[in-house]
């Protein structure tokens, strides 16, 4: 099965084509321009590198959030358009799951290892979840969290077992402040980003193929405009 995996949900955007687990072509963009300017040209380059047409794609996979409200909408709209035009279905993918699956465990040494993939949501808040790094079992559900509250849940989960906790993504600095205060030991990889391979892996784990028109965003929060709307 050939999948086109794509993401615009956070600071970077990316796209890649995978034939099963085999990467055919992919690209990650950290351009400071908006995703509305960079994403479709990036997809065109990936398609050209792969030497494929959209008719050859079996399905699309796209990150539906959480993350940047505007970024999420750009990616979903673009993928919906491509999928509808090609008559293909779409697998909606969690952004935090895709981030976790974009990372690999180094020097695990048989320990219980957990990923906390997280994105900065401003005002000491993060979009995050907690996963078993070996099995991908969800330990703390994906949501928008006050950093203090999430760290409290992590501390309760860890107890006295002293698991290896790896915090990945641009929300790492926000969590680190509260993890240090709570005495929770962790490793931090704030430079980790969503890769096309992580999206493709997530789509294989949760292959919920749906018609393109049914794809919806998972914001996990309301926008600032909605919060202040009277």
N, C-alpha and C. Protein backbone atom coordinates (compact mmCIF):
# COMPACT_ATOMS: atom_id res chain seq x y z
N UNK A 1 0.84 -1.20 0.00
CA UNK A 1 0.00 0.00 0.00
C UNK A 1 0.88 1.25 0.00
N UNK A 2 0.57 2.17 -0.88
CA UNK A 2 1.35 3.40 -0.99
C UNK A 2 0.57 4.52 -0.31
N UNK A 3 1.23 5.20 0.64
CA UNK A 3 0.60 6.28 1.40
C UNK A 3 1.35 7.57 1.19
N UNK A 4 0.62 8.65 1.08
CA UNK A 4 1.21 9.99 1.14
C UNK A 4 0.92 10.53 2.53
N UNK A 5 1.97 10.71 3.34
CA UNK A 5 1.84 11.17 4.72
C UNK A 5 2.19 12.65 4.79
N UNK A 6 1.38 13.44 5.51
CA UNK A 6 1.59 14.88 5.50
C UNK A 6 1.26 15.51 6.85
N UNK A 7 1.93 16.64 7.13
CA UNK A 7 1.68 17.36 8.38
C UNK A 7 1.97 18.84 8.21
N UNK A 8 1.07 19.67 8.76
CA UNK A 8 1.31 21.11 8.87
C UNK A 8 0.84 21.60 10.24
N UNK A 9 0.76 20.70 11.21
CA UNK A 9 0.08 21.03 12.46
C UNK A 9 0.88 21.89 13.43
N UNK A 10 2.20 21.98 13.19
CA UNK A 10 3.02 22.75 14.12
C UNK A 10 4.07 23.57 13.37
N UNK A 11 5.21 23.84 13.96
CA UNK A 11 6.15 24.80 13.39
C UNK A 11 6.77 24.34 12.08
N UNK A 12 6.93 23.03 11.90
CA UNK A 12 7.45 22.51 10.65
C UNK A 12 6.30 21.92 9.83
N UNK A 13 6.56 21.69 8.55
CA UNK A 13 5.60 20.91 7.75
C UNK A 13 6.39 19.86 6.99
N UNK A 14 5.71 18.81 6.58
CA UNK A 14 6.42 17.73 5.91
C UNK A 14 5.46 16.92 5.06
N UNK A 15 6.04 16.14 4.17
CA UNK A 15 5.27 15.19 3.38
C UNK A 15 6.21 14.07 2.94
N UNK A 16 5.66 12.89 2.78
CA UNK A 16 6.47 11.77 2.34
C UNK A 16 5.61 10.69 1.72
N UNK A 17 6.20 9.92 0.85
CA UNK A 17 5.51 8.79 0.22
C UNK A 17 6.20 7.51 0.68
N UNK A 18 5.39 6.56 1.14
CA UNK A 18 5.90 5.29 1.65
C UNK A 18 5.19 4.15 0.96
N UNK A 19 5.97 3.17 0.54
CA UNK A 19 5.44 1.93 -0.03
C UNK A 19 5.55 0.88 1.06
N UNK A 20 4.46 0.68 1.82
CA UNK A 20 4.56 -0.12 3.03
C UNK A 20 5.44 0.62 4.02
N UNK A 21 6.48 -0.03 4.51
CA UNK A 21 7.41 0.63 5.43
C UNK A 21 8.57 1.31 4.69
N UNK A 22 8.65 1.11 3.40
CA UNK A 22 9.78 1.63 2.61
C UNK A 22 9.56 3.08 2.20
N UNK A 23 10.47 3.99 2.58
CA UNK A 23 10.33 5.38 2.13
C UNK A 23 10.68 5.50 0.66
N UNK A 24 9.84 6.20 -0.07
CA UNK A 24 10.08 6.44 -1.50
C UNK A 24 10.67 7.83 -1.70
N UNK A 25 10.06 8.82 -1.07
CA UNK A 25 10.55 10.20 -1.13
C UNK A 25 9.91 10.97 0.02
N UNK A 26 10.65 11.92 0.59
CA UNK A 26 10.09 12.71 1.68
C UNK A 26 10.88 14.01 1.84
N UNK A 27 10.25 14.96 2.53
CA UNK A 27 10.90 16.24 2.79
C UNK A 27 10.28 16.87 4.04
N UNK A 28 11.13 17.51 4.84
CA UNK A 28 10.69 18.26 6.02
C UNK A 28 11.11 19.71 5.81
N UNK A 29 10.19 20.63 6.09
CA UNK A 29 10.45 22.05 5.85
C UNK A 29 10.37 22.83 7.16
N UNK A 30 11.42 23.60 7.45
CA UNK A 30 11.44 24.47 8.63
C UNK A 30 11.50 25.92 8.20
N UNK A 31 10.96 26.21 7.03
CA UNK A 31 10.94 27.56 6.48
C UNK A 31 10.09 28.47 7.36
N UNK A 32 10.52 29.71 7.53
CA UNK A 32 9.78 30.64 8.38
C UNK A 32 8.53 31.18 7.71
N UNK A 33 8.39 30.93 6.40
CA UNK A 33 7.15 31.34 5.73
C UNK A 33 5.99 30.48 6.22
N UNK A 34 4.79 30.92 5.96
CA UNK A 34 3.62 30.18 6.42
C UNK A 34 3.46 28.87 5.64
N UNK A 35 2.80 27.91 6.30
CA UNK A 35 2.56 26.62 5.64
C UNK A 35 1.70 26.78 4.39
N UNK A 36 0.87 27.80 4.35
CA UNK A 36 0.05 28.04 3.16
C UNK A 36 0.92 28.36 1.95
N UNK A 37 2.12 28.87 2.20
CA UNK A 37 3.06 29.18 1.11
C UNK A 37 3.96 27.99 0.77
N UNK A 38 4.31 27.19 1.78
CA UNK A 38 5.35 26.18 1.58
C UNK A 38 4.84 24.76 1.36
N UNK A 39 3.64 24.45 1.86
CA UNK A 39 3.24 23.04 1.89
C UNK A 39 3.00 22.44 0.51
N UNK A 40 2.17 23.05 -0.31
CA UNK A 40 1.86 22.44 -1.62
C UNK A 40 3.08 22.36 -2.54
N UNK A 41 3.96 23.39 -2.56
CA UNK A 41 5.19 23.21 -3.34
C UNK A 41 6.04 22.05 -2.82
N UNK A 42 6.05 21.85 -1.49
CA UNK A 42 6.78 20.72 -0.91
C UNK A 42 6.19 19.40 -1.39
N UNK A 43 4.86 19.29 -1.38
CA UNK A 43 4.21 18.06 -1.85
C UNK A 43 4.55 17.81 -3.32
N UNK A 44 4.54 18.87 -4.11
CA UNK A 44 4.87 18.72 -5.54
C UNK A 44 6.28 18.19 -5.72
N UNK A 45 7.23 18.68 -4.91
CA UNK A 45 8.61 18.20 -5.01
C UNK A 45 8.71 16.73 -4.62
N UNK A 46 7.99 16.35 -3.57
CA UNK A 46 8.02 14.95 -3.13
C UNK A 46 7.43 14.04 -4.20
N UNK A 47 6.33 14.45 -4.80
CA UNK A 47 5.72 13.64 -5.86
C UNK A 47 6.67 13.51 -7.05
N UNK A 48 7.35 14.60 -7.38
CA UNK A 48 8.29 14.57 -8.50
C UNK A 48 9.47 13.65 -8.20
N UNK A 49 10.00 13.73 -6.97
CA UNK A 49 11.11 12.86 -6.58
C UNK A 49 10.70 11.39 -6.63
N UNK A 50 9.46 11.11 -6.24
CA UNK A 50 8.97 9.73 -6.25
C UNK A 50 8.63 9.24 -7.65
N UNK A 51 8.43 10.18 -8.57
CA UNK A 51 8.04 9.81 -9.93
C UNK A 51 6.65 9.20 -9.98
N UNK A 52 5.76 9.73 -9.14
CA UNK A 52 4.41 9.18 -9.04
C UNK A 52 3.36 10.24 -9.33
N UNK A 53 2.18 9.76 -9.67
CA UNK A 53 1.01 10.62 -9.79
C UNK A 53 0.10 10.32 -8.62
N UNK A 54 -0.86 11.20 -8.36
CA UNK A 54 -1.78 10.99 -7.25
C UNK A 54 -2.64 9.74 -7.44
N UNK A 55 -2.85 9.33 -8.68
CA UNK A 55 -3.63 8.12 -8.95
C UNK A 55 -2.94 6.87 -8.39
N UNK A 56 -1.62 6.95 -8.20
CA UNK A 56 -0.87 5.80 -7.70
C UNK A 56 -0.87 5.71 -6.17
N UNK A 57 -1.34 6.77 -5.51
CA UNK A 57 -1.43 6.77 -4.06
C UNK A 57 -2.65 5.94 -3.63
N UNK A 58 -2.45 5.02 -2.70
CA UNK A 58 -3.57 4.21 -2.22
C UNK A 58 -4.42 4.95 -1.20
N UNK A 59 -3.76 5.72 -0.31
CA UNK A 59 -4.49 6.54 0.65
C UNK A 59 -3.58 7.63 1.18
N UNK A 60 -4.18 8.60 1.81
CA UNK A 60 -3.46 9.73 2.40
C UNK A 60 -3.52 9.61 3.93
N UNK A 61 -2.50 10.13 4.59
CA UNK A 61 -2.50 10.22 6.06
C UNK A 61 -2.11 11.64 6.42
N UNK A 62 -2.87 12.25 7.32
CA UNK A 62 -2.60 13.65 7.67
C UNK A 62 -2.76 13.84 9.18
N UNK A 63 -1.86 14.64 9.77
CA UNK A 63 -1.99 14.99 11.18
C UNK A 63 -3.15 15.96 11.35
N UNK A 64 -4.06 15.64 12.24
CA UNK A 64 -5.26 16.46 12.43
C UNK A 64 -5.22 17.25 13.74
N UNK A 65 -4.06 17.26 14.41
CA UNK A 65 -3.90 17.98 15.65
C UNK A 65 -3.65 17.02 16.80
N UNK A 66 -3.41 17.61 17.95
CA UNK A 66 -3.47 19.04 18.27
C UNK A 66 -2.22 19.79 17.79
N UNK A 67 -2.32 21.13 17.88
CA UNK A 67 -1.22 21.97 17.45
C UNK A 67 -1.73 23.35 17.09
N UNK A 68 -1.08 23.95 16.10
CA UNK A 68 -1.49 25.27 15.62
C UNK A 68 -2.85 25.19 14.94
N UNK A 69 -3.79 26.01 15.38
CA UNK A 69 -5.13 25.96 14.79
C UNK A 69 -5.08 26.24 13.29
N UNK A 70 -4.35 27.28 12.90
CA UNK A 70 -4.26 27.62 11.48
C UNK A 70 -3.52 26.54 10.72
N UNK A 71 -2.41 26.05 11.29
CA UNK A 71 -1.64 25.02 10.61
C UNK A 71 -2.45 23.75 10.38
N UNK A 72 -3.19 23.34 11.37
CA UNK A 72 -4.02 22.14 11.23
C UNK A 72 -5.00 22.31 10.07
N UNK A 73 -5.64 23.46 10.01
CA UNK A 73 -6.63 23.69 8.95
C UNK A 73 -5.99 23.66 7.56
N UNK A 74 -4.78 24.20 7.45
CA UNK A 74 -4.09 24.21 6.15
C UNK A 74 -3.85 22.79 5.67
N UNK A 75 -3.30 21.95 6.55
CA UNK A 75 -2.99 20.59 6.16
C UNK A 75 -4.22 19.76 5.83
N UNK A 76 -5.23 19.87 6.67
CA UNK A 76 -6.45 19.10 6.43
C UNK A 76 -7.11 19.53 5.12
N UNK A 77 -7.20 20.83 4.91
CA UNK A 77 -7.84 21.32 3.67
C UNK A 77 -7.08 20.85 2.44
N UNK A 78 -5.75 20.93 2.49
CA UNK A 78 -4.95 20.53 1.33
C UNK A 78 -5.09 19.03 1.06
N UNK A 79 -5.00 18.23 2.10
CA UNK A 79 -5.09 16.78 1.92
C UNK A 79 -6.49 16.37 1.48
N UNK A 80 -7.50 17.01 2.04
CA UNK A 80 -8.86 16.73 1.59
C UNK A 80 -9.00 16.99 0.09
N UNK A 81 -8.46 18.12 -0.36
CA UNK A 81 -8.55 18.45 -1.78
C UNK A 81 -7.85 17.42 -2.65
N UNK A 82 -6.64 17.03 -2.24
CA UNK A 82 -5.90 16.04 -3.03
C UNK A 82 -6.61 14.70 -3.03
N UNK A 83 -7.10 14.28 -1.87
CA UNK A 83 -7.76 12.98 -1.77
C UNK A 83 -9.07 12.95 -2.55
N UNK A 84 -9.84 14.02 -2.45
CA UNK A 84 -11.11 14.07 -3.20
C UNK A 84 -10.85 14.04 -4.70
N UNK A 85 -9.85 14.79 -5.14
CA UNK A 85 -9.55 14.82 -6.58
C UNK A 85 -9.08 13.46 -7.08
N UNK A 86 -8.35 12.73 -6.22
CA UNK A 86 -7.83 11.42 -6.62
C UNK A 86 -8.79 10.29 -6.31
N UNK A 87 -9.90 10.59 -5.61
CA UNK A 87 -10.86 9.56 -5.24
C UNK A 87 -10.32 8.58 -4.21
N UNK A 88 -9.51 9.10 -3.26
CA UNK A 88 -8.88 8.25 -2.25
C UNK A 88 -9.40 8.57 -0.86
N UNK A 89 -9.16 7.65 0.07
CA UNK A 89 -9.55 7.86 1.46
C UNK A 89 -8.37 8.38 2.28
N UNK A 90 -8.67 8.77 3.52
CA UNK A 90 -7.68 9.43 4.38
C UNK A 90 -7.65 8.76 5.75
N UNK A 91 -6.46 8.66 6.32
CA UNK A 91 -6.30 8.23 7.72
C UNK A 91 -5.95 9.46 8.55
N UNK A 92 -6.83 9.89 9.48
CA UNK A 92 -6.49 10.99 10.38
C UNK A 92 -5.48 10.50 11.42
N UNK A 93 -4.45 11.28 11.68
CA UNK A 93 -3.38 10.87 12.58
C UNK A 93 -3.20 11.91 13.69
N UNK A 94 -3.02 11.44 14.90
CA UNK A 94 -2.71 12.31 16.03
C UNK A 94 -1.32 12.92 15.86
N UNK A 95 -1.22 14.23 16.06
CA UNK A 95 0.08 14.91 15.94
C UNK A 95 1.06 14.43 17.00
N UNK A 96 0.58 14.26 18.24
CA UNK A 96 1.51 13.84 19.29
C UNK A 96 1.96 12.39 19.08
N UNK A 97 1.08 11.53 18.58
CA UNK A 97 1.48 10.15 18.28
C UNK A 97 2.51 10.16 17.15
N UNK A 98 2.26 10.95 16.11
CA UNK A 98 3.21 11.03 15.00
C UNK A 98 4.57 11.52 15.48
N UNK A 99 4.57 12.48 16.42
CA UNK A 99 5.83 12.97 16.97
C UNK A 99 6.56 11.87 17.73
N UNK A 100 5.84 11.15 18.57
CA UNK A 100 6.47 10.06 19.33
C UNK A 100 7.05 9.00 18.39
N UNK A 101 6.32 8.67 17.34
CA UNK A 101 6.77 7.64 16.41
C UNK A 101 7.86 8.13 15.47
N UNK A 102 8.12 9.43 15.49
CA UNK A 102 9.24 9.98 14.73
C UNK A 102 10.55 9.84 15.49
N UNK A 103 10.47 9.37 16.74
CA UNK A 103 11.64 9.26 17.61
C UNK A 103 11.98 7.79 17.85
N UNK A 104 13.24 7.54 18.14
CA UNK A 104 13.70 6.19 18.44
C UNK A 104 14.39 6.18 19.79
N UNK A 105 14.33 5.05 20.47
CA UNK A 105 14.99 4.90 21.77
C UNK A 105 16.46 4.55 21.54
N UNK A 106 17.34 5.31 22.18
CA UNK A 106 18.76 4.99 22.14
C UNK A 106 19.21 4.51 23.51
N UNK A 107 20.02 3.47 23.55
CA UNK A 107 20.60 2.98 24.81
C UNK A 107 19.51 2.69 25.84
N UNK A 108 18.55 1.86 25.46
CA UNK A 108 17.38 1.61 26.32
C UNK A 108 17.73 0.73 27.53
N UNK A 109 18.61 -0.23 27.33
CA UNK A 109 19.09 -1.10 28.41
C UNK A 109 17.96 -1.79 29.19
N UNK A 110 16.87 -2.11 28.49
CA UNK A 110 15.80 -2.88 29.10
C UNK A 110 14.95 -2.13 30.10
N UNK A 111 15.10 -0.83 30.22
CA UNK A 111 14.32 -0.08 31.20
C UNK A 111 12.92 0.21 30.68
N UNK A 112 12.00 0.50 31.61
CA UNK A 112 10.68 0.99 31.21
C UNK A 112 10.84 2.41 30.71
N UNK A 113 10.58 2.62 29.45
CA UNK A 113 10.81 3.93 28.83
C UNK A 113 9.50 4.50 28.32
N UNK A 114 9.30 5.77 28.56
CA UNK A 114 8.07 6.44 28.15
C UNK A 114 8.41 7.72 27.39
N UNK A 115 7.65 7.97 26.34
CA UNK A 115 7.74 9.23 25.61
C UNK A 115 6.62 10.16 26.07
N UNK A 116 6.96 11.43 26.23
CA UNK A 116 5.94 12.47 26.36
C UNK A 116 6.13 13.41 25.18
N UNK A 117 5.41 13.16 24.06
CA UNK A 117 5.47 14.08 22.94
C UNK A 117 4.61 15.30 23.26
N UNK A 118 5.17 16.49 23.11
CA UNK A 118 4.40 17.67 23.51
C UNK A 118 4.73 18.88 22.66
N UNK A 119 3.73 19.70 22.46
CA UNK A 119 3.86 20.96 21.73
C UNK A 119 3.48 22.11 22.64
N UNK A 120 4.21 23.19 22.54
CA UNK A 120 3.92 24.37 23.35
C UNK A 120 2.57 24.94 22.96
N UNK A 121 1.71 25.17 23.94
CA UNK A 121 0.39 25.76 23.70
C UNK A 121 0.28 27.14 24.35
N UNK A 122 1.43 27.69 24.77
CA UNK A 122 1.53 29.02 25.38
C UNK A 122 0.90 29.08 26.77
N UNK A 123 1.30 30.11 27.50
CA UNK A 123 0.76 30.35 28.85
C UNK A 123 0.92 29.13 29.77
N UNK A 124 2.12 28.50 29.69
CA UNK A 124 2.43 27.34 30.54
C UNK A 124 1.51 26.15 30.26
N UNK A 125 1.09 26.02 29.02
CA UNK A 125 0.23 24.91 28.62
C UNK A 125 0.91 24.14 27.50
N UNK A 126 0.57 22.86 27.39
CA UNK A 126 1.12 22.03 26.31
C UNK A 126 0.02 21.12 25.77
N UNK A 127 0.18 20.75 24.50
CA UNK A 127 -0.59 19.65 23.93
C UNK A 127 0.29 18.42 24.07
N UNK A 128 -0.20 17.38 24.69
CA UNK A 128 0.68 16.25 25.00
C UNK A 128 -0.09 14.98 25.27
N UNK A 129 0.64 13.89 25.29
CA UNK A 129 0.18 12.62 25.83
C UNK A 129 1.41 11.88 26.34
N UNK A 130 1.21 10.73 26.96
CA UNK A 130 2.33 9.91 27.43
C UNK A 130 2.14 8.50 26.91
N UNK A 131 3.22 7.94 26.33
CA UNK A 131 3.15 6.63 25.70
C UNK A 131 4.27 5.73 26.19
N UNK A 132 3.99 4.44 26.24
CA UNK A 132 5.05 3.46 26.41
C UNK A 132 5.87 3.44 25.13
N UNK A 133 7.16 3.71 25.23
CA UNK A 133 7.98 3.87 24.03
C UNK A 133 8.18 2.56 23.27
N UNK A 134 7.97 1.42 23.94
CA UNK A 134 8.13 0.13 23.27
C UNK A 134 6.84 -0.34 22.59
N UNK A 135 5.71 -0.18 23.30
CA UNK A 135 4.45 -0.76 22.83
C UNK A 135 3.51 0.28 22.23
N UNK A 136 3.81 1.57 22.44
CA UNK A 136 2.94 2.68 22.02
C UNK A 136 1.62 2.72 22.80
N UNK A 137 1.55 1.97 23.90
CA UNK A 137 0.36 2.03 24.74
C UNK A 137 0.22 3.42 25.35
N UNK A 138 -0.98 3.97 25.29
CA UNK A 138 -1.22 5.29 25.84
C UNK A 138 -1.34 5.21 27.36
N UNK A 139 -0.50 5.98 28.06
CA UNK A 139 -0.49 5.98 29.52
C UNK A 139 -1.28 7.19 30.05
N UNK A 140 -1.08 8.34 29.43
CA UNK A 140 -1.86 9.55 29.73
C UNK A 140 -2.44 10.03 28.42
N UNK A 141 -3.74 10.28 28.38
CA UNK A 141 -4.41 10.57 27.13
C UNK A 141 -3.98 11.90 26.53
N UNK A 142 -4.12 12.00 25.22
CA UNK A 142 -3.79 13.23 24.50
C UNK A 142 -4.79 14.32 24.84
N UNK A 143 -4.27 15.51 25.17
CA UNK A 143 -5.14 16.63 25.49
C UNK A 143 -4.30 17.90 25.59
N UNK A 144 -4.99 19.01 25.87
CA UNK A 144 -4.31 20.26 26.22
C UNK A 144 -4.20 20.30 27.73
N UNK A 145 -2.98 20.49 28.24
CA UNK A 145 -2.76 20.42 29.68
C UNK A 145 -2.08 21.69 30.20
N UNK A 146 -2.51 22.12 31.37
CA UNK A 146 -1.68 23.00 32.15
C UNK A 146 -0.44 22.18 32.52
N UNK A 147 0.75 22.76 32.32
CA UNK A 147 1.98 21.99 32.54
C UNK A 147 2.07 21.41 33.95
N UNK A 148 1.65 22.18 34.94
CA UNK A 148 1.69 21.71 36.33
C UNK A 148 0.81 20.47 36.50
N UNK A 149 -0.39 20.49 35.92
CA UNK A 149 -1.32 19.36 36.05
C UNK A 149 -0.78 18.11 35.37
N UNK A 150 -0.19 18.29 34.20
CA UNK A 150 0.36 17.12 33.50
C UNK A 150 1.51 16.51 34.29
N UNK A 151 2.39 17.35 34.80
CA UNK A 151 3.51 16.84 35.58
C UNK A 151 3.01 16.10 36.83
N UNK A 152 1.95 16.58 37.43
CA UNK A 152 1.36 15.90 38.59
C UNK A 152 0.92 14.49 38.19
N UNK A 153 0.28 14.35 37.02
CA UNK A 153 -0.14 13.03 36.55
C UNK A 153 1.06 12.13 36.28
N UNK A 154 2.10 12.72 35.68
CA UNK A 154 3.31 11.95 35.38
C UNK A 154 3.95 11.46 36.67
N UNK A 155 4.01 12.32 37.67
CA UNK A 155 4.62 11.94 38.95
C UNK A 155 3.85 10.81 39.61
N UNK A 156 2.53 10.87 39.56
CA UNK A 156 1.71 9.80 40.13
C UNK A 156 1.94 8.48 39.39
N UNK A 157 2.05 8.57 38.07
CA UNK A 157 2.27 7.36 37.27
C UNK A 157 3.64 6.76 37.59
N UNK A 158 4.65 7.62 37.70
CA UNK A 158 6.02 7.13 37.90
C UNK A 158 6.18 6.49 39.27
N UNK A 159 5.55 7.08 40.28
CA UNK A 159 5.66 6.52 41.63
C UNK A 159 7.10 6.37 42.04
N UNK A 160 7.45 5.22 42.57
CA UNK A 160 8.82 4.97 43.01
C UNK A 160 9.59 4.07 42.03
N UNK A 161 9.00 3.82 40.85
CA UNK A 161 9.61 2.88 39.90
C UNK A 161 10.77 3.49 39.11
N UNK A 162 10.86 4.81 39.10
CA UNK A 162 11.94 5.52 38.40
C UNK A 162 12.07 5.10 36.93
N UNK A 163 10.99 5.23 36.16
CA UNK A 163 11.08 4.88 34.74
C UNK A 163 11.93 5.91 33.99
N UNK A 164 12.32 5.56 32.80
CA UNK A 164 13.01 6.51 31.93
C UNK A 164 11.95 7.29 31.17
N UNK A 165 11.95 8.61 31.34
CA UNK A 165 10.97 9.47 30.69
C UNK A 165 11.70 10.39 29.72
N UNK A 166 11.24 10.41 28.48
CA UNK A 166 11.85 11.25 27.46
C UNK A 166 10.79 12.21 26.93
N UNK A 167 11.00 13.49 27.14
CA UNK A 167 10.07 14.53 26.69
C UNK A 167 10.56 15.06 25.35
N UNK A 168 9.72 14.97 24.33
CA UNK A 168 10.14 15.37 22.98
C UNK A 168 9.20 16.43 22.43
N UNK A 169 9.75 17.34 21.65
CA UNK A 169 8.95 18.37 21.02
C UNK A 169 9.19 19.74 21.63
N UNK A 170 8.61 20.77 21.00
CA UNK A 170 8.91 22.14 21.41
C UNK A 170 8.22 22.56 22.71
N UNK A 171 7.44 21.66 23.31
CA UNK A 171 6.89 21.94 24.63
C UNK A 171 7.79 21.46 25.76
N UNK A 172 8.95 20.93 25.41
CA UNK A 172 9.84 20.34 26.41
C UNK A 172 10.30 21.36 27.45
N UNK A 173 10.66 22.56 27.02
CA UNK A 173 11.12 23.57 27.97
C UNK A 173 10.04 23.94 28.97
N UNK A 174 8.80 24.03 28.49
CA UNK A 174 7.68 24.36 29.39
C UNK A 174 7.51 23.28 30.45
N UNK A 175 7.57 22.02 30.03
CA UNK A 175 7.41 20.93 30.99
C UNK A 175 8.61 20.81 31.92
N UNK A 176 9.79 21.09 31.39
CA UNK A 176 11.01 20.90 32.19
C UNK A 176 10.97 21.72 33.48
N UNK A 177 10.51 22.94 33.38
CA UNK A 177 10.43 23.81 34.56
C UNK A 177 9.64 23.14 35.68
N UNK A 178 8.50 22.56 35.32
CA UNK A 178 7.63 21.95 36.33
C UNK A 178 8.11 20.56 36.73
N UNK A 179 8.74 19.84 35.80
CA UNK A 179 9.30 18.52 36.14
C UNK A 179 10.42 18.69 37.16
N UNK A 180 11.26 19.69 36.97
CA UNK A 180 12.35 19.93 37.91
C UNK A 180 11.80 20.29 39.30
N UNK A 181 10.78 21.16 39.31
CA UNK A 181 10.18 21.56 40.59
C UNK A 181 9.57 20.36 41.32
N UNK A 182 9.00 19.42 40.55
CA UNK A 182 8.34 18.25 41.15
C UNK A 182 9.32 17.12 41.45
N UNK A 183 10.57 17.29 41.06
CA UNK A 183 11.57 16.26 41.30
C UNK A 183 11.41 15.04 40.41
N UNK A 184 10.82 15.23 39.22
CA UNK A 184 10.65 14.14 38.27
C UNK A 184 11.82 14.16 37.28
N UNK A 185 12.59 13.10 37.26
CA UNK A 185 13.74 13.05 36.36
C UNK A 185 13.29 12.70 34.96
N UNK A 186 13.86 13.40 33.98
CA UNK A 186 13.49 13.14 32.59
C UNK A 186 14.63 13.59 31.67
N UNK A 187 14.57 13.11 30.45
CA UNK A 187 15.47 13.57 29.40
C UNK A 187 14.65 14.42 28.44
N UNK A 188 15.31 15.35 27.75
CA UNK A 188 14.58 16.31 26.94
C UNK A 188 15.16 16.42 25.53
N UNK A 189 14.27 16.38 24.54
CA UNK A 189 14.67 16.54 23.15
C UNK A 189 13.72 17.53 22.50
N UNK A 190 13.94 18.82 22.83
CA UNK A 190 12.99 19.84 22.36
C UNK A 190 13.07 20.07 20.86
N UNK A 191 14.16 19.61 20.23
CA UNK A 191 14.29 19.80 18.79
C UNK A 191 13.60 18.74 17.96
N UNK A 192 13.01 17.74 18.60
CA UNK A 192 12.32 16.68 17.85
C UNK A 192 11.10 17.25 17.14
N UNK A 193 10.89 16.83 15.90
CA UNK A 193 9.74 17.29 15.10
C UNK A 193 9.05 16.10 14.46
N UNK A 194 7.87 16.34 13.98
CA UNK A 194 7.13 15.30 13.26
C UNK A 194 7.81 15.02 11.93
N UNK A 195 8.08 13.75 11.67
CA UNK A 195 8.67 13.33 10.40
C UNK A 195 7.63 12.54 9.60
N UNK A 196 7.76 12.53 8.29
CA UNK A 196 6.82 11.73 7.49
C UNK A 196 6.78 10.27 7.91
N UNK A 197 7.92 9.73 8.33
CA UNK A 197 7.96 8.33 8.77
C UNK A 197 7.09 8.11 10.00
N UNK A 198 7.05 9.09 10.91
CA UNK A 198 6.21 8.98 12.10
C UNK A 198 4.73 8.98 11.75
N UNK A 199 4.36 9.80 10.78
CA UNK A 199 2.96 9.84 10.33
C UNK A 199 2.57 8.51 9.69
N UNK A 200 3.45 8.01 8.83
CA UNK A 200 3.17 6.74 8.14
C UNK A 200 3.05 5.59 9.15
N UNK A 201 3.92 5.58 10.17
CA UNK A 201 3.83 4.54 11.21
C UNK A 201 2.51 4.64 11.96
N UNK A 202 2.12 5.86 12.31
CA UNK A 202 0.86 6.05 13.03
C UNK A 202 -0.31 5.57 12.19
N UNK A 203 -0.27 5.83 10.90
CA UNK A 203 -1.35 5.40 10.01
C UNK A 203 -1.43 3.88 9.94
N UNK A 204 -0.28 3.20 10.03
CA UNK A 204 -0.29 1.73 10.01
C UNK A 204 -0.81 1.17 11.33
N UNK A 205 -0.51 1.86 12.44
CA UNK A 205 -0.98 1.40 13.75
C UNK A 205 -2.48 1.57 13.89
N UNK A 206 -2.99 2.71 13.42
CA UNK A 206 -4.41 3.02 13.54
C UNK A 206 -4.98 3.31 12.15
N UNK A 207 -5.13 2.29 11.30
CA UNK A 207 -5.55 2.52 9.92
C UNK A 207 -7.05 2.78 9.76
N UNK A 208 -7.48 3.91 10.30
CA UNK A 208 -8.91 4.26 10.27
C UNK A 208 -9.21 5.03 8.98
N UNK A 209 -9.32 4.30 7.90
CA UNK A 209 -9.58 4.93 6.59
C UNK A 209 -11.00 5.48 6.53
N UNK A 210 -11.11 6.77 6.20
CA UNK A 210 -12.43 7.39 6.09
C UNK A 210 -12.48 8.25 4.83
N UNK A 211 -13.67 8.55 4.33
CA UNK A 211 -13.78 9.46 3.20
C UNK A 211 -13.18 10.82 3.53
N UNK A 212 -12.58 11.45 2.56
CA UNK A 212 -11.88 12.71 2.79
C UNK A 212 -12.78 13.77 3.41
N UNK A 213 -14.02 13.81 3.00
CA UNK A 213 -14.92 14.85 3.49
C UNK A 213 -15.26 14.69 4.97
N UNK A 214 -14.96 13.52 5.53
CA UNK A 214 -15.25 13.29 6.95
C UNK A 214 -14.09 13.62 7.88
N UNK A 215 -12.96 14.01 7.33
CA UNK A 215 -11.78 14.32 8.16
C UNK A 215 -12.02 15.63 8.90
N UNK A 216 -11.84 15.61 10.21
CA UNK A 216 -12.03 16.80 11.03
C UNK A 216 -10.81 17.03 11.92
N UNK A 217 -10.65 18.25 12.37
CA UNK A 217 -9.51 18.62 13.22
C UNK A 217 -9.72 18.13 14.65
N UNK A 218 -8.61 17.86 15.32
CA UNK A 218 -8.64 17.54 16.75
C UNK A 218 -7.82 18.62 17.45
N UNK A 219 -8.49 19.69 17.85
CA UNK A 219 -7.80 20.83 18.43
C UNK A 219 -7.42 20.61 19.90
N UNK A 220 -8.23 19.87 20.63
CA UNK A 220 -8.03 19.63 22.07
C UNK A 220 -8.14 20.91 22.91
N UNK A 221 -8.57 21.99 22.31
CA UNK A 221 -8.70 23.28 23.01
C UNK A 221 -9.53 24.19 22.13
N UNK A 222 -9.96 25.30 22.70
CA UNK A 222 -10.64 26.31 21.90
C UNK A 222 -9.66 27.41 21.56
N UNK A 223 -9.90 28.10 20.46
CA UNK A 223 -8.99 29.16 20.04
C UNK A 223 -9.08 30.36 20.99
N UNK A 224 -8.07 31.23 20.92
CA UNK A 224 -8.09 32.44 21.75
C UNK A 224 -9.31 33.29 21.45
N UNK A 225 -9.67 33.37 20.16
CA UNK A 225 -10.83 34.16 19.79
C UNK A 225 -12.09 33.61 20.44
N UNK A 226 -12.21 32.27 20.48
CA UNK A 226 -13.38 31.65 21.10
C UNK A 226 -13.38 31.85 22.60
N UNK A 227 -12.16 31.80 23.22
CA UNK A 227 -12.09 31.98 24.67
C UNK A 227 -12.55 33.37 25.11
N UNK A 228 -12.27 34.38 24.26
CA UNK A 228 -12.60 35.74 24.63
C UNK A 228 -13.91 36.23 24.04
N UNK A 229 -14.57 35.36 23.25
CA UNK A 229 -15.83 35.75 22.64
C UNK A 229 -16.90 35.85 23.70
N UNK A 230 -17.64 36.91 23.69
CA UNK A 230 -18.70 37.12 24.70
C UNK A 230 -20.00 36.56 24.21
